[in-house]
Amino acid sequence: MRNENDYTKHVEYIHYNPVKHGLVKSPKDWPWSSFNDYVAKGVYDVNWGAGEVINFEAEVGAE
């Protein structure tokens, strides 16, 4: 990771990936995700990534 912003984008990519691939409709629904831990800590709203398409920069998730 290059910096805090790069780390954040990679974590978001990981949390959104099951939605992107049609496995769930919301990151909160993926049982093996740390997403709900982040929600409990106040980092994300529980509805983040649900009902929206999130596009990431080309280098995020490509390595």
C-alpha atoms as a PDB file:
ATOM      1  CA  MET A   1       0.000   0.000   0.000  1.00  0.00           C
ATOM      2  CA  ARG A   2       1.329   3.376  -0.979  1.00  0.00           C
ATOM      3  CA  ASN A   3      -0.604   5.499   1.527  1.00  0.00           C
ATOM      4  CA  GLU A   4      -3.790   5.682   3.602  1.00  0.00           C
ATOM      5  CA  ASN A   5      -5.971   6.554   0.596  1.00  0.00           C
ATOM      6  CA  ASP A   6      -4.602   3.605  -1.380  1.00  0.00           C
ATOM      7  CA  TYR A   7      -5.298   1.308   1.581  1.00  0.00           C
ATOM      8  CA  THR A   8      -8.877   2.625   1.869  1.00  0.00           C
ATOM      9  CA  LYS A   9      -9.565   2.077  -1.842  1.00  0.00           C
ATOM     10  CA  HIS A  10      -8.293  -1.514  -1.638  1.00  0.00           C
ATOM     11  CA  VAL A  11     -10.435  -2.271   1.423  1.00  0.00           C
ATOM     12  CA  GLU A  12     -13.476  -0.831  -0.376  1.00  0.00           C
ATOM     13  CA  TYR A  13     -12.674  -2.955  -3.431  1.00  0.00           C
ATOM     14  CA  ILE A  14     -12.552  -6.082  -1.265  1.00  0.00           C
ATOM     15  CA  HIS A  15     -15.829  -5.225   0.451  1.00  0.00           C
ATOM     16  CA  TYR A  16     -17.596  -4.466  -2.826  1.00  0.00           C
ATOM     17  CA  ASN A  17     -16.243  -7.439  -4.802  1.00  0.00           C
ATOM     18  CA  PRO A  18     -19.040  -9.940  -3.875  1.00  0.00           C
ATOM     19  CA  VAL A  19     -21.604  -7.363  -5.058  1.00  0.00           C
ATOM     20  CA  LYS A  20     -19.667  -6.726  -8.265  1.00  0.00           C
ATOM     21  CA  HIS A  21     -19.714 -10.449  -9.066  1.00  0.00           C
ATOM     22  CA  GLY A  22     -23.418 -10.867  -8.300  1.00  0.00           C
ATOM     23  CA  LEU A  23     -22.987 -13.045  -5.233  1.00  0.00           C
ATOM     24  CA  VAL A  24     -24.944 -10.676  -2.965  1.00  0.00           C
ATOM     25  CA  LYS A  25     -26.876  -7.430  -3.374  1.00  0.00           C
ATOM     26  CA  SER A  26     -25.057  -5.621  -0.549  1.00  0.00           C
ATOM     27  CA  PRO A  27     -21.635  -5.972   1.102  1.00  0.00           C
ATOM     28  CA  LYS A  28     -23.416  -6.515   4.449  1.00  0.00           C
ATOM     29  CA  ASP A  29     -24.853  -9.776   3.076  1.00  0.00           C
ATOM     30  CA  TRP A  30     -21.490 -11.458   2.405  1.00  0.00           C
ATOM     31  CA  PRO A  31     -20.957 -13.556   5.566  1.00  0.00           C
ATOM     32  CA  TRP A  32     -17.161 -13.865   5.245  1.00  0.00           C
ATOM     33  CA  SER A  33     -16.534 -10.137   4.919  1.00  0.00           C
ATOM     34  CA  SER A  34     -15.053  -7.764   7.464  1.00  0.00           C
ATOM     35  CA  PHE A  35     -17.550  -5.176   6.175  1.00  0.00           C
ATOM     36  CA  ASN A  36     -19.907  -5.521   9.157  1.00  0.00           C
ATOM     37  CA  ASP A  37     -16.959  -5.005  11.529  1.00  0.00           C
ATOM     38  CA  TYR A  38     -16.242  -1.720   9.744  1.00  0.00           C
ATOM     39  CA  VAL A  39     -19.928  -0.760  10.045  1.00  0.00           C
ATOM     40  CA  ALA A  40     -19.833  -1.470  13.788  1.00  0.00           C
ATOM     41  CA  LYS A  41     -16.792   0.832  14.089  1.00  0.00           C
ATOM     42  CA  GLY A  42     -18.616   3.608  12.224  1.00  0.00           C
ATOM     43  CA  VAL A  43     -16.402   3.504   9.127  1.00  0.00           C
ATOM     44  CA  TYR A  44     -19.239   2.647   6.726  1.00  0.00           C
ATOM     45  CA  ASP A  45     -22.963   3.128   6.664  1.00  0.00           C
ATOM     46  CA  VAL A  46     -24.649  -0.282   6.627  1.00  0.00           C
ATOM     47  CA  ASN A  47     -26.093   0.475   3.161  1.00  0.00           C
ATOM     48  CA  TRP A  48     -22.763   1.397   1.542  1.00  0.00           C
ATOM     49  CA  GLY A  49     -22.404  -0.402  -1.788  1.00  0.00           C
ATOM     50  CA  ALA A  50     -26.035  -1.561  -1.919  1.00  0.00           C
ATOM     51  CA  GLY A  51     -28.071  -0.517  -4.944  1.00  0.00           C
ATOM     52  CA  GLU A  52     -25.217   1.385  -6.541  1.00  0.00           C
ATOM     53  CA  VAL A  53     -22.369   0.648  -8.903  1.00  0.00           C
ATOM     54  CA  ILE A  54     -18.964   1.570  -7.547  1.00  0.00           C
ATOM     55  CA  ASN A  55     -16.155   1.899 -10.046  1.00  0.00           C
ATOM     56  CA  PHE A  56     -12.558   1.708  -8.909  1.00  0.00           C
ATOM     57  CA  GLU A  57      -9.401   3.071 -10.482  1.00  0.00           C
ATOM     58  CA  ALA A  58      -7.695   0.588 -12.806  1.00  0.00           C
ATOM     59  CA  GLU A  59      -4.810  -0.131 -10.408  1.00  0.00           C
ATOM     60  CA  VAL A  60      -7.106  -1.003  -7.489  1.00  0.00           C
ATOM     61  CA  GLY A  61      -7.648  -4.744  -7.450  1.00  0.00           C
ATOM     62  CA  ALA A  62      -5.403  -5.363 -10.456  1.00  0.00           C
ATOM     63  CA  GLU A  63      -2.354  -6.546  -8.563  1.00  0.00           C
END
